[in-house]
C-alpha atoms as a PDB file:
ATOM      1  CA  MET A   1    -104.851  25.176  67.943  1.00  0.00           C
ATOM      2  CA  THR A   2    -106.615  28.537  67.767  1.00  0.00           C
ATOM      3  CA  ASP A   3    -109.995  28.934  66.077  1.00  0.00           C
ATOM      4  CA  ARG A   4    -108.321  30.913  63.281  1.00  0.00           C
ATOM      5  CA  SER A   5    -105.605  28.347  62.639  1.00  0.00           C
ATOM      6  CA  PHE A   6    -108.262  25.620  62.615  1.00  0.00           C
ATOM      7  CA  HIS A   7    -110.292  27.658  60.111  1.00  0.00           C
ATOM      8  CA  ASP A   8    -107.262  28.197  57.900  1.00  0.00           C
ATOM      9  CA  ASP A   9    -106.743  24.436  57.652  1.00  0.00           C
ATOM     10  CA  LEU A  10    -110.316  23.836  56.473  1.00  0.00           C
ATOM     11  CA  ILE A  11    -111.700  23.543  52.986  1.00  0.00           C
ATOM     12  CA  VAL A  12    -114.225  26.394  53.087  1.00  0.00           C
ATOM     13  CA  ILE A  13    -116.908  26.539  50.392  1.00  0.00           C
ATOM     14  CA  ASP A  14    -119.528  29.239  49.886  1.00  0.00           C
ATOM     15  CA  ALA A  15    -122.300  27.749  47.755  1.00  0.00           C
ATOM     16  CA  LEU A  16    -123.578  31.107  46.479  1.00  0.00           C
ATOM     17  CA  GLU A  17    -122.402  34.685  46.119  1.00  0.00           C
ATOM     18  CA  ALA A  18    -123.590  37.380  43.734  1.00  0.00           C
ATOM     19  CA  SER A  19    -121.142  40.287  43.575  1.00  0.00           C
ATOM     20  CA  ASN A  20    -119.577  42.704  41.123  1.00  0.00           C
ATOM     21  CA  TRP A  21    -116.198  41.061  41.246  1.00  0.00           C
ATOM     22  CA  ASP A  22    -112.893  42.918  41.209  1.00  0.00           C
ATOM     23  CA  ARG A  23    -109.489  42.486  42.838  1.00  0.00           C
ATOM     24  CA  GLU A  24    -110.670  43.857  46.180  1.00  0.00           C
ATOM     25  CA  LEU A  25    -113.562  41.418  46.436  1.00  0.00           C
ATOM     26  CA  LEU A  26    -111.437  38.480  45.319  1.00  0.00           C
ATOM     27  CA  GLU A  27    -108.939  39.368  48.035  1.00  0.00           C
ATOM     28  CA  GLU A  28    -111.793  39.331  50.577  1.00  0.00           C
ATOM     29  CA  LEU A  29    -112.376  35.689  49.666  1.00  0.00           C
ATOM     30  CA  CYS A  30    -108.720  34.949  50.284  1.00  0.00           C
ATOM     31  CA  ALA A  31    -108.768  36.861  53.573  1.00  0.00           C
ATOM     32  CA  GLY A  32    -111.711  34.744  54.699  1.00  0.00           C
ATOM     33  CA  GLY A  33    -109.956  31.506  53.802  1.00  0.00           C
ATOM     34  CA  VAL A  34    -112.576  30.654  51.162  1.00  0.00           C
ATOM     35  CA  THR A  35    -111.366  27.674  49.126  1.00  0.00           C
ATOM     36  CA  ALA A  36    -114.167  27.806  46.553  1.00  0.00           C
ATOM     37  CA  VAL A  37    -117.226  29.899  45.811  1.00  0.00           C
ATOM     38  CA  HIS A  38    -120.220  29.350  43.535  1.00  0.00           C
ATOM     39  CA  ILE A  39    -120.589  32.667  41.677  1.00  0.00           C
ATOM     40  CA  THR A  40    -123.703  33.981  39.944  1.00  0.00           C
ATOM     41  CA  LEU A  41    -123.285  34.360  36.188  1.00  0.00           C
ATOM     42  CA  VAL A  42    -126.976  34.872  35.446  1.00  0.00           C
ATOM     43  CA  PHE A  43    -130.225  36.281  36.785  1.00  0.00           C
ATOM     44  CA  TRP A  44    -132.294  36.966  33.637  1.00  0.00           C
ATOM     45  CA  GLU A  45    -129.705  36.856  30.835  1.00  0.00           C
ATOM     46  CA  ASP A  46    -130.159  35.013  27.557  1.00  0.00           C
ATOM     47  CA  ALA A  47    -127.526  32.737  26.003  1.00  0.00           C
ATOM     48  CA  ARG A  48    -125.625  35.484  24.170  1.00  0.00           C
ATOM     49  CA  THR A  49    -125.349  37.783  27.181  1.00  0.00           C
ATOM     50  CA  THR A  50    -124.293  34.844  29.323  1.00  0.00           C
ATOM     51  CA  LEU A  51    -121.366  34.246  26.968  1.00  0.00           C
ATOM     52  CA  ASP A  52    -120.303  37.848  27.614  1.00  0.00           C
ATOM     53  CA  ASN A  53    -120.388  37.173  31.360  1.00  0.00           C
ATOM     54  CA  ILE A  54    -118.289  34.028  30.932  1.00  0.00           C
ATOM     55  CA  GLY A  55    -115.827  36.027  28.843  1.00  0.00           C
ATOM     56  CA  ARG A  56    -115.533  38.603  31.619  1.00  0.00           C
ATOM     57  CA  TRP A  57    -114.623  35.850  34.052  1.00  0.00           C
ATOM     58  CA  HIS A  58    -111.941  34.548  31.711  1.00  0.00           C
ATOM     59  CA  ARG A  59    -110.383  38.014  31.852  1.00  0.00           C
ATOM     60  CA  LEU A  60    -110.566  37.924  35.651  1.00  0.00           C
ATOM     61  CA  PHE A  61    -108.822  34.542  35.655  1.00  0.00           C
ATOM     62  CA  GLU A  62    -106.108  35.956  33.401  1.00  0.00           C
ATOM     63  CA  ASN A  63    -105.599  39.130  35.428  1.00  0.00           C
ATOM     64  CA  HIS A  64    -105.789  37.567  38.903  1.00  0.00           C
ATOM     65  CA  ASP A  65    -104.418  34.062  38.410  1.00  0.00           C
ATOM     66  CA  ASP A  66    -102.302  34.451  41.536  1.00  0.00           C
ATOM     67  CA  ILE A  67    -105.408  34.217  43.736  1.00  0.00           C
ATOM     68  CA  ILE A  68    -108.245  32.587  41.728  1.00  0.00           C
ATOM     69  CA  MET A  69    -108.725  29.624  39.402  1.00  0.00           C
ATOM     70  CA  PRO A  70    -111.683  27.992  37.618  1.00  0.00           C
ATOM     71  CA  VAL A  71    -113.368  24.926  39.105  1.00  0.00           C
ATOM     72  CA  ARG A  72    -114.770  22.162  36.915  1.00  0.00           C
ATOM     73  CA  SER A  73    -114.352  19.274  39.363  1.00  0.00           C
ATOM     74  CA  ALA A  74    -113.977  18.583  43.066  1.00  0.00           C
ATOM     75  CA  ALA A  75    -110.299  17.874  42.393  1.00  0.00           C
ATOM     76  CA  ASP A  76    -109.942  21.491  41.265  1.00  0.00           C
ATOM     77  CA  ILE A  77    -111.199  22.629  44.679  1.00  0.00           C
ATOM     78  CA  GLU A  78    -108.582  20.484  46.392  1.00  0.00           C
ATOM     79  CA  GLU A  79    -105.937  21.910  44.065  1.00  0.00           C
ATOM     80  CA  ALA A  80    -107.077  25.448  44.906  1.00  0.00           C
ATOM     81  CA  LYS A  81    -106.574  24.678  48.598  1.00  0.00           C
ATOM     82  CA  TRP A  82    -103.097  23.313  47.955  1.00  0.00           C
ATOM     83  CA  LEU A  83    -102.170  26.357  45.840  1.00  0.00           C
ATOM     84  CA  GLY A  84    -103.616  28.874  48.294  1.00  0.00           C
ATOM     85  CA  LYS A  85    -106.146  30.173  45.756  1.00  0.00           C
ATOM     86  CA  THR A  86    -109.932  30.492  45.650  1.00  0.00           C
ATOM     87  CA  GLY A  87    -111.695  28.260  43.140  1.00  0.00           C
ATOM     88  CA  ILE A  88    -114.539  29.779  41.126  1.00  0.00           C
ATOM     89  CA  ILE A  89    -117.589  27.626  40.341  1.00  0.00           C
ATOM     90  CA  PHE A  90    -119.802  28.933  37.524  1.00  0.00           C
ATOM     91  CA  GLY A  91    -123.537  28.854  38.140  1.00  0.00           C
ATOM     92  CA  PHE A  92    -126.814  30.316  36.905  1.00  0.00           C
ATOM     93  CA  GLN A  93    -129.560  31.605  39.210  1.00  0.00           C
ATOM     94  CA  ASN A  94    -132.040  31.069  36.385  1.00  0.00           C
ATOM     95  CA  CYS A  95    -132.506  28.696  33.472  1.00  0.00           C
ATOM     96  CA  SER A  96    -132.904  31.625  31.036  1.00  0.00           C
ATOM     97  CA  PRO A  97    -129.578  31.047  29.183  1.00  0.00           C
ATOM     98  CA  ILE A  98    -130.667  27.634  27.919  1.00  0.00           C
ATOM     99  CA  GLU A  99    -133.770  29.302  26.466  1.00  0.00           C
ATOM    100  CA  ASP A 100    -135.856  26.486  24.934  1.00  0.00           C
ATOM    101  CA  ASP A 101    -132.878  24.536  23.586  1.00  0.00           C
ATOM    102  CA  LEU A 102    -131.978  21.352  25.458  1.00  0.00           C
ATOM    103  CA  ALA A 103    -128.606  21.158  23.680  1.00  0.00           C
ATOM    104  CA  LEU A 104    -127.448  24.293  25.501  1.00  0.00           C
ATOM    105  CA  VAL A 105    -127.260  22.335  28.761  1.00  0.00           C
ATOM    106  CA  GLN A 106    -124.240  20.411  27.487  1.00  0.00           C
ATOM    107  CA  VAL A 107    -122.832  23.497  25.747  1.00  0.00           C
ATOM    108  CA  PHE A 108    -122.766  25.465  28.991  1.00  0.00           C
ATOM    109  CA  HIS A 109    -121.443  22.464  30.913  1.00  0.00           C
ATOM    110  CA  GLU A 110    -118.498  22.335  28.515  1.00  0.00           C
ATOM    111  CA  LEU A 111    -117.988  26.070  29.140  1.00  0.00           C
ATOM    112  CA  GLY A 112    -117.599  25.311  32.847  1.00  0.00           C
ATOM    113  CA  VAL A 113    -121.088  25.850  34.249  1.00  0.00           C
ATOM    114  CA  ARG A 114    -121.731  23.351  37.032  1.00  0.00           C
ATOM    115  CA  ILE A 115    -124.923  24.563  38.750  1.00  0.00           C
ATOM    116  CA  ILE A 116    -128.225  25.796  37.304  1.00  0.00           C
ATOM    117  CA  GLN A 117    -131.159  27.061  39.318  1.00  0.00           C
ATOM    118  CA  LEU A 118    -134.326  25.932  37.559  1.00  0.00           C
ATOM    119  CA  THR A 119    -136.287  29.094  38.400  1.00  0.00           C
ATOM    120  CA  TYR A 120    -135.578  32.580  39.704  1.00  0.00           C
ATOM    121  CA  ASN A 121    -138.666  33.663  41.670  1.00  0.00           C
ATOM    122  CA  ASN A 122    -140.951  33.581  38.601  1.00  0.00           C
ATOM    123  CA  GLN A 123    -142.434  30.874  36.418  1.00  0.00           C
ATOM    124  CA  SER A 124    -139.823  29.608  33.962  1.00  0.00           C
ATOM    125  CA  LEU A 125    -140.022  27.166  31.082  1.00  0.00           C
ATOM    126  CA  ILE A 126    -139.046  24.507  33.629  1.00  0.00           C
ATOM    127  CA  GLY A 127    -141.128  25.187  36.731  1.00  0.00           C
ATOM    128  CA  ALA A 128    -142.629  27.660  39.182  1.00  0.00           C
ATOM    129  CA  GLY A 129    -140.672  30.204  41.175  1.00  0.00           C
ATOM    130  CA  CYS A 130    -141.302  30.867  44.849  1.00  0.00           C
ATOM    131  CA  TYR A 131    -143.179  34.137  44.181  1.00  0.00           C
ATOM    132  CA  GLU A 132    -145.774  32.566  41.901  1.00  0.00           C
ATOM    133  CA  LYS A 133    -149.305  32.203  43.289  1.00  0.00           C
ATOM    134  CA  VAL A 134    -149.845  29.021  41.269  1.00  0.00           C
ATOM    135  CA  ASP A 135    -147.286  26.211  41.508  1.00  0.00           C
ATOM    136  CA  ALA A 136    -147.905  23.806  38.641  1.00  0.00           C
ATOM    137  CA  GLY A 137    -144.710  21.838  39.217  1.00  0.00           C
ATOM    138  CA  ILE A 138    -142.104  20.730  36.688  1.00  0.00           C
ATOM    139  CA  SER A 139    -143.012  21.176  33.011  1.00  0.00           C
ATOM    140  CA  ARG A 140    -142.487  18.671  30.194  1.00  0.00           C
ATOM    141  CA  PHE A 141    -139.420  20.649  29.101  1.00  0.00           C
ATOM    142  CA  GLY A 142    -138.262  20.714  32.711  1.00  0.00           C
ATOM    143  CA  ARG A 143    -138.264  16.932  32.896  1.00  0.00           C
ATOM    144  CA  GLU A 144    -135.990  16.793  29.854  1.00  0.00           C
ATOM    145  CA  VAL A 145    -133.677  19.458  31.296  1.00  0.00           C
ATOM    146  CA  ILE A 146    -133.362  17.567  34.580  1.00  0.00           C
ATOM    147  CA  LYS A 147    -132.552  14.362  32.717  1.00  0.00           C
ATOM    148  CA  GLU A 148    -129.889  16.147  30.656  1.00  0.00           C
ATOM    149  CA  MET A 149    -128.367  17.880  33.677  1.00  0.00           C
ATOM    150  CA  ASN A 150    -128.141  14.490  35.376  1.00  0.00           C
ATOM    151  CA  ARG A 151    -126.398  13.056  32.324  1.00  0.00           C
ATOM    152  CA  VAL A 152    -123.715  15.714  31.866  1.00  0.00           C
ATOM    153  CA  GLY A 153    -123.001  16.334  35.546  1.00  0.00           C
ATOM    154  CA  MET A 154    -124.660  19.647  36.335  1.00  0.00           C
ATOM    155  CA  LEU A 155    -126.250  20.261  39.724  1.00  0.00           C
ATOM    156  CA  ILE A 156    -129.920  21.180  40.003  1.00  0.00           C
ATOM    157  CA  ASP A 157    -130.525  24.115  42.377  1.00  0.00           C
ATOM    158  CA  MET A 158    -134.014  24.910  43.718  1.00  0.00           C
ATOM    159  CA  SER A 159    -133.189  27.883  45.965  1.00  0.00           C
ATOM    160  CA  HIS A 160    -135.715  30.240  44.330  1.00  0.00           C
ATOM    161  CA  SER A 161    -138.301  27.611  43.383  1.00  0.00           C
ATOM    162  CA  ALA A 162    -141.788  26.914  44.713  1.00  0.00           C
ATOM    163  CA  GLU A 163    -142.579  23.962  46.968  1.00  0.00           C
ATOM    164  CA  LEU A 164    -144.272  21.543  44.557  1.00  0.00           C
ATOM    165  CA  THR A 165    -141.784  22.337  41.803  1.00  0.00           C
ATOM    166  CA  SER A 166    -138.942  21.585  44.228  1.00  0.00           C
ATOM    167  CA  LEU A 167    -140.482  18.350  45.479  1.00  0.00           C
ATOM    168  CA  GLN A 168    -141.066  17.167  41.918  1.00  0.00           C
ATOM    169  CA  ALA A 169    -137.481  18.022  40.968  1.00  0.00           C
ATOM    170  CA  ILE A 170    -136.270  15.831  43.832  1.00  0.00           C
ATOM    171  CA  GLU A 171    -138.533  13.007  42.659  1.00  0.00           C
ATOM    172  CA  ILE A 172    -137.660  13.297  38.955  1.00  0.00           C
ATOM    173  CA  SER A 173    -133.914  13.724  39.307  1.00  0.00           C
ATOM    174  CA  GLU A 174    -131.895  10.523  39.381  1.00  0.00           C
ATOM    175  CA  ARG A 175    -129.108  12.364  41.202  1.00  0.00           C
ATOM    176  CA  PRO A 176    -129.280  14.386  44.437  1.00  0.00           C
ATOM    177  CA  ILE A 177    -130.169  18.056  44.037  1.00  0.00           C
ATOM    178  CA  THR A 178    -129.384  21.134  46.108  1.00  0.00           C
ATOM    179  CA  ILE A 179    -130.795  24.271  47.649  1.00  0.00           C
ATOM    180  CA  THR A 180    -127.607  26.324  47.710  1.00  0.00           C
ATOM    181  CA  HIS A 181    -128.831  29.402  49.593  1.00  0.00           C
ATOM    182  CA  ALA A 182    -131.915  29.406  51.821  1.00  0.00           C
ATOM    183  CA  ASN A 183    -132.909  28.678  55.409  1.00  0.00           C
ATOM    184  CA  PRO A 184    -135.628  26.684  57.167  1.00  0.00           C
ATOM    185  CA  LEU A 185    -139.031  28.354  57.191  1.00  0.00           C
ATOM    186  CA  SER A 186    -139.289  27.275  60.817  1.00  0.00           C
ATOM    187  CA  PHE A 187    -136.440  29.679  61.667  1.00  0.00           C
ATOM    188  CA  HIS A 188    -137.734  32.692  59.729  1.00  0.00           C
ATOM    189  CA  LYS A 189    -140.946  33.085  57.717  1.00  0.00           C
ATOM    190  CA  GLY A 190    -139.226  34.459  54.619  1.00  0.00           C
ATOM    191  CA  ILE A 191    -140.735  33.935  51.183  1.00  0.00           C
ATOM    192  CA  ARG A 192    -137.642  32.076  49.993  1.00  0.00           C
ATOM    193  CA  ASN A 193    -137.111  29.907  53.034  1.00  0.00           C
ATOM    194  CA  LYS A 194    -138.053  26.229  52.886  1.00  0.00           C
ATOM    195  CA  SER A 195    -140.527  24.024  54.725  1.00  0.00           C
ATOM    196  CA  ASP A 196    -139.447  21.160  56.950  1.00  0.00           C
ATOM    197  CA  ASP A 197    -141.191  18.725  54.594  1.00  0.00           C
ATOM    198  CA  LEU A 198    -139.170  19.959  51.622  1.00  0.00           C
ATOM    199  CA  LEU A 199    -135.901  19.921  53.547  1.00  0.00           C
ATOM    200  CA  LYS A 200    -136.612  16.401  54.805  1.00  0.00           C
ATOM    201  CA  ALA A 201    -137.234  15.210  51.239  1.00  0.00           C
ATOM    202  CA  LEU A 202    -134.046  16.949  50.123  1.00  0.00           C
ATOM    203  CA  ALA A 203    -131.920  15.238  52.772  1.00  0.00           C
ATOM    204  CA  GLU A 204    -133.536  11.815  52.332  1.00  0.00           C
ATOM    205  CA  SER A 205    -132.649  11.943  48.632  1.00  0.00           C
ATOM    206  CA  GLY A 206    -129.009  12.770  49.408  1.00  0.00           C
ATOM    207  CA  GLY A 207    -129.304  16.492  48.707  1.00  0.00           C
ATOM    208  CA  MET A 208    -127.672  19.525  50.300  1.00  0.00           C
ATOM    209  CA  LEU A 209    -128.884  22.761  51.927  1.00  0.00           C
ATOM    210  CA  GLY A 210    -126.681  25.853  52.075  1.00  0.00           C
ATOM    211  CA  PHE A 211    -127.483  28.213  54.974  1.00  0.00           C
ATOM    212  CA  SER A 212    -127.869  31.840  53.908  1.00  0.00           C
ATOM    213  CA  THR A 213    -126.685  34.922  55.809  1.00  0.00           C
ATOM    214  CA  TYR A 214    -128.813  37.232  53.628  1.00  0.00           C
ATOM    215  CA  PRO A 215    -130.725  39.486  56.067  1.00  0.00           C
ATOM    216  CA  PHE A 216    -134.180  38.714  54.638  1.00  0.00           C
ATOM    217  CA  HIS A 217    -133.500  35.001  55.189  1.00  0.00           C
ATOM    218  CA  ILE A 218    -132.437  35.277  58.836  1.00  0.00           C
ATOM    219  CA  GLY A 219    -134.889  37.863  60.170  1.00  0.00           C
ATOM    220  CA  GLY A 220    -132.757  40.967  59.758  1.00  0.00           C
ATOM    221  CA  SER A 221    -129.268  42.249  60.407  1.00  0.00           C
ATOM    222  CA  ASP A 222    -129.779  42.158  64.185  1.00  0.00           C
ATOM    223  CA  THR A 223    -129.844  38.353  64.155  1.00  0.00           C
ATOM    224  CA  THR A 224    -126.862  37.180  66.168  1.00  0.00           C
ATOM    225  CA  LEU A 225    -124.172  34.719  65.185  1.00  0.00           C
ATOM    226  CA  ASP A 226    -125.328  32.516  68.064  1.00  0.00           C
ATOM    227  CA  ALA A 227    -128.875  32.466  66.661  1.00  0.00           C
ATOM    228  CA  PHE A 228    -127.588  31.681  63.162  1.00  0.00           C
ATOM    229  CA  CYS A 229    -125.501  28.782  64.451  1.00  0.00           C
ATOM    230  CA  GLY A 230    -128.441  27.667  66.592  1.00  0.00           C
ATOM    231  CA  MET A 231    -130.506  27.429  63.402  1.00  0.00           C
ATOM    232  CA  ILE A 232    -127.792  25.222  61.924  1.00  0.00           C
ATOM    233  CA  ALA A 233    -127.753  23.022  65.038  1.00  0.00           C
ATOM    234  CA  ASP A 234    -131.542  22.615  64.962  1.00  0.00           C
ATOM    235  CA  THR A 235    -131.450  21.717  61.261  1.00  0.00           C
ATOM    236  CA  VAL A 236    -128.685  19.175  61.766  1.00  0.00           C
ATOM    237  CA  GLU A 237    -130.892  17.501  64.387  1.00  0.00           C
ATOM    238  CA  LYS A 238    -133.593  17.109  61.722  1.00  0.00           C
ATOM    239  CA  LEU A 239    -131.575  16.399  58.571  1.00  0.00           C
ATOM    240  CA  GLY A 240    -128.268  14.966  59.772  1.00  0.00           C
ATOM    241  CA  ILE A 241    -124.800  16.466  59.646  1.00  0.00           C
ATOM    242  CA  ASP A 242    -124.012  15.314  56.089  1.00  0.00           C
ATOM    243  CA  HIS A 243    -126.652  17.396  54.283  1.00  0.00           C
ATOM    244  CA  VAL A 244    -125.810  20.967  55.289  1.00  0.00           C
ATOM    245  CA  GLY A 245    -123.280  23.628  54.353  1.00  0.00           C
ATOM    246  CA  ILE A 246    -122.990  27.370  53.876  1.00  0.00           C
ATOM    247  CA  GLY A 247    -124.378  29.404  50.962  1.00  0.00           C
ATOM    248  CA  THR A 248    -124.246  33.007  52.122  1.00  0.00           C
ATOM    249  CA  ASP A 249    -125.966  34.789  49.203  1.00  0.00           C
ATOM    250  CA  MET A 250    -123.473  37.599  49.829  1.00  0.00           C
ATOM    251  CA  CYS A 251    -123.874  40.572  47.467  1.00  0.00           C
ATOM    252  CA  ARG A 252    -121.041  43.120  47.219  1.00  0.00           C
ATOM    253  CA  LYS A 253    -120.475  46.272  45.149  1.00  0.00           C
ATOM    254  CA  LEU A 254    -123.812  46.037  43.379  1.00  0.00           C
ATOM    255  CA  SER A 255    -125.664  49.279  42.690  1.00  0.00           C
ATOM    256  CA  SER A 256    -129.303  49.993  43.477  1.00  0.00           C
ATOM    257  CA  GLY A 257    -129.893  49.872  39.725  1.00  0.00           C
ATOM    258  CA  TYR A 258    -128.488  46.347  39.631  1.00  0.00           C
ATOM    259  CA  LEU A 259    -130.764  45.443  42.524  1.00  0.00           C
ATOM    260  CA  ASP A 260    -133.716  46.588  40.417  1.00  0.00           C
ATOM    261  CA  TRP A 261    -132.446  44.335  37.587  1.00  0.00           C
ATOM    262  CA  MET A 262    -132.161  41.384  39.969  1.00  0.00           C
ATOM    263  CA  ARG A 263    -135.713  41.896  41.164  1.00  0.00           C
ATOM    264  CA  SER A 264    -137.471  42.736  37.925  1.00  0.00           C
ATOM    265  CA  GLY A 265    -135.271  41.984  34.926  1.00  0.00           C
ATOM    266  CA  ARG A 266    -137.123  42.897  31.752  1.00  0.00           C
ATOM    267  CA  TRP A 267    -140.402  41.211  32.665  1.00  0.00           C
ATOM    268  CA  SER A 268    -142.015  44.097  34.582  1.00  0.00           C
ATOM    269  CA  LYS A 269    -142.282  47.886  34.345  1.00  0.00           C
ATOM    270  CA  GLU A 270    -142.657  48.008  38.105  1.00  0.00           C
ATOM    271  CA  ILE A 271    -139.913  47.271  40.616  1.00  0.00           C
ATOM    272  CA  ASP A 272    -140.714  43.997  42.328  1.00  0.00           C
ATOM    273  CA  SER A 273    -139.439  44.559  45.853  1.00  0.00           C
ATOM    274  CA  GLY A 274    -139.353  40.856  46.590  1.00  0.00           C
ATOM    275  CA  GLU A 275    -138.562  40.210  50.225  1.00  0.00           C
ATOM    276  CA  ALA A 276    -137.800  43.890  50.899  1.00  0.00           C
ATOM    277  CA  LYS A 277    -140.214  45.506  53.321  1.00  0.00           C
ATOM    278  CA  THR A 278    -140.767  48.558  51.105  1.00  0.00           C
ATOM    279  CA  ALA A 279    -141.136  48.693  47.326  1.00  0.00           C
ATOM    280  CA  GLY A 280    -137.972  49.856  45.672  1.00  0.00           C
ATOM    281  CA  GLY A 281    -135.986  49.498  48.894  1.00  0.00           C
ATOM    282  CA  GLY A 282    -132.216  49.327  48.672  1.00  0.00           C
ATOM    283  CA  TRP A 283    -129.795  46.694  49.856  1.00  0.00           C
ATOM    284  CA  PRO A 284    -130.357  45.496  53.414  1.00  0.00           C
ATOM    285  CA  ASP A 285    -127.735  45.926  56.115  1.00  0.00           C
ATOM    286  CA  TRP A 286    -125.745  42.772  56.783  1.00  0.00           C
ATOM    287  CA  PRO A 287    -125.157  41.396  60.286  1.00  0.00           C
ATOM    288  CA  THR A 288    -122.053  42.724  62.012  1.00  0.00           C
ATOM    289  CA  TRP A 289    -120.543  39.247  62.175  1.00  0.00           C
ATOM    290  CA  PHE A 290    -120.731  38.786  58.389  1.00  0.00           C
ATOM    291  CA  GLN A 291    -120.067  41.999  56.483  1.00  0.00           C
ATOM    292  CA  THR A 292    -117.838  40.483  53.786  1.00  0.00           C
ATOM    293  CA  PRO A 293    -116.448  37.030  52.902  1.00  0.00           C
ATOM    294  CA  ALA A 294    -113.404  37.980  54.988  1.00  0.00           C
ATOM    295  CA  ASP A 295    -115.658  37.267  57.987  1.00  0.00           C
ATOM    296  CA  PHE A 296    -115.975  33.543  57.272  1.00  0.00           C
ATOM    297  CA  PRO A 297    -113.791  32.701  60.308  1.00  0.00           C
ATOM    298  CA  ASN A 298    -116.584  34.113  62.486  1.00  0.00           C
ATOM    299  CA  ILE A 299    -118.928  31.350  61.305  1.00  0.00           C
ATOM    300  CA  THR A 300    -116.329  28.695  62.123  1.00  0.00           C
ATOM    301  CA  ARG A 301    -115.899  30.208  65.574  1.00  0.00           C
ATOM    302  CA  GLY A 302    -119.666  30.409  66.049  1.00  0.00           C
ATOM    303  CA  LEU A 303    -120.118  26.724  65.225  1.00  0.00           C
ATOM    304  CA  LEU A 304    -117.385  25.692  67.638  1.00  0.00           C
ATOM    305  CA  ASP A 305    -118.867  27.925  70.346  1.00  0.00           C
ATOM    306  CA  LYS A 306    -122.260  26.308  69.720  1.00  0.00           C
ATOM    307  CA  GLY A 307    -120.775  22.929  70.594  1.00  0.00           C
ATOM    308  CA  PHE A 308    -120.071  21.449  67.185  1.00  0.00           C
ATOM    309  CA  SER A 309    -117.006  19.209  67.099  1.00  0.00           C
ATOM    310  CA  GLN A 310    -114.110  20.142  64.856  1.00  0.00           C
ATOM    311  CA  ALA A 311    -115.017  17.260  62.535  1.00  0.00           C
ATOM    312  CA  ASP A 312    -118.632  18.394  62.170  1.00  0.00           C
ATOM    313  CA  THR A 313    -117.595  22.028  61.799  1.00  0.00           C
ATOM    314  CA  ALA A 314    -115.279  20.994  58.972  1.00  0.00           C
ATOM    315  CA  LYS A 315    -118.198  19.260  57.247  1.00  0.00           C
ATOM    316  CA  ILE A 316    -120.478  22.290  57.510  1.00  0.00           C
ATOM    317  CA  MET A 317    -117.831  24.785  56.396  1.00  0.00           C
ATOM    318  CA  GLY A 318    -117.000  22.929  53.200  1.00  0.00           C
ATOM    319  CA  GLY A 319    -116.408  19.221  53.596  1.00  0.00           C
ATOM    320  CA  ASN A 320    -119.989  18.290  52.781  1.00  0.00           C
ATOM    321  CA  TRP A 321    -120.030  20.496  49.681  1.00  0.00           C
ATOM    322  CA  LEU A 322    -116.762  18.960  48.499  1.00  0.00           C
ATOM    323  CA  ALA A 323    -118.194  15.444  48.758  1.00  0.00           C
ATOM    324  CA  PHE A 324    -121.423  16.541  47.070  1.00  0.00           C
ATOM    325  CA  PHE A 325    -119.556  18.197  44.206  1.00  0.00           C
ATOM    326  CA  ARG A 326    -117.326  15.144  43.782  1.00  0.00           C
ATOM    327  CA  ASP A 327    -120.413  13.063  43.102  1.00  0.00           C
ATOM    328  CA  GLY A 328    -122.367  15.699  41.196  1.00  0.00           C
ATOM    329  CA  PHE A 329    -119.929  17.381  38.824  1.00  0.00           C
ATOM    330  CA  GLY A 330    -119.101  14.258  36.813  1.00  0.00           C
ATOM    331  CA  PRO A 331    -121.209  12.612  34.097  1.00  0.00           C
ATOM    332  CA  SER A 332    -123.650   9.887  35.090  1.00  0.00           C
END
């Protein structure tokens, strides 16, 4: 069996992308053999604007139903594989759409949202983001939100959250949580990357880490596929094979103006450059081995070349996410 034919047989799941979706980009998912992808509905939007974004996706489902379908359960991902389509998982990169109304957690769950990040870089009503100088942990409202997300079957994502806030979320949640798109701080000293202590707590509680290919999370576009897969191998040694997957953080067809919105929303008059080396800098260059989701077979090949067995490669490429979603998407 060739590496490509092996890849094509896999369930491949990308635990986070943020793109301006159209037919071309959806076809890139298909070309890469992506069975399901967690898409970003929200950065700073309120409830009303989020409904507009959900409506736009319903039009995409209608216009491209030959290649995509909505995902509300792990069974939907398996159906997508059988049908040769890519399943779309709705998620928020911020808790802003629920505003200060706990009831909106269930409302958005019923609209198909399955993952909510509790913070996006900044302090939210729930907890502290990773760019905050003071990390006060999970708020009173945050404790109620976590409890409600546990109840309805919505995954808690701490990818952009601060350390104490993340550790408290793990402790408070009665169900395993996730960091869908980040890397170990020991691999690259990026603001958004995570400490070994946090990742150990995540794995010990049954949680999942999605490895990011975003250049600021891997040390730049010159980072090789071998180095990326070496990072995965080192992390598996620490956390175990069952707690890791892929969450690329791929961003496609987004303008520099949209990048400014992602970084600063409406909360600042200045452009917050985030992890960019220069204020107001544009999109970083992506590594040659992962320019678009069509390049997913390269990651499969890289894992095999690094010495991972086919069984463990299958877990990393999507099997672990599938099992995690099977447990996490249903009500408690």
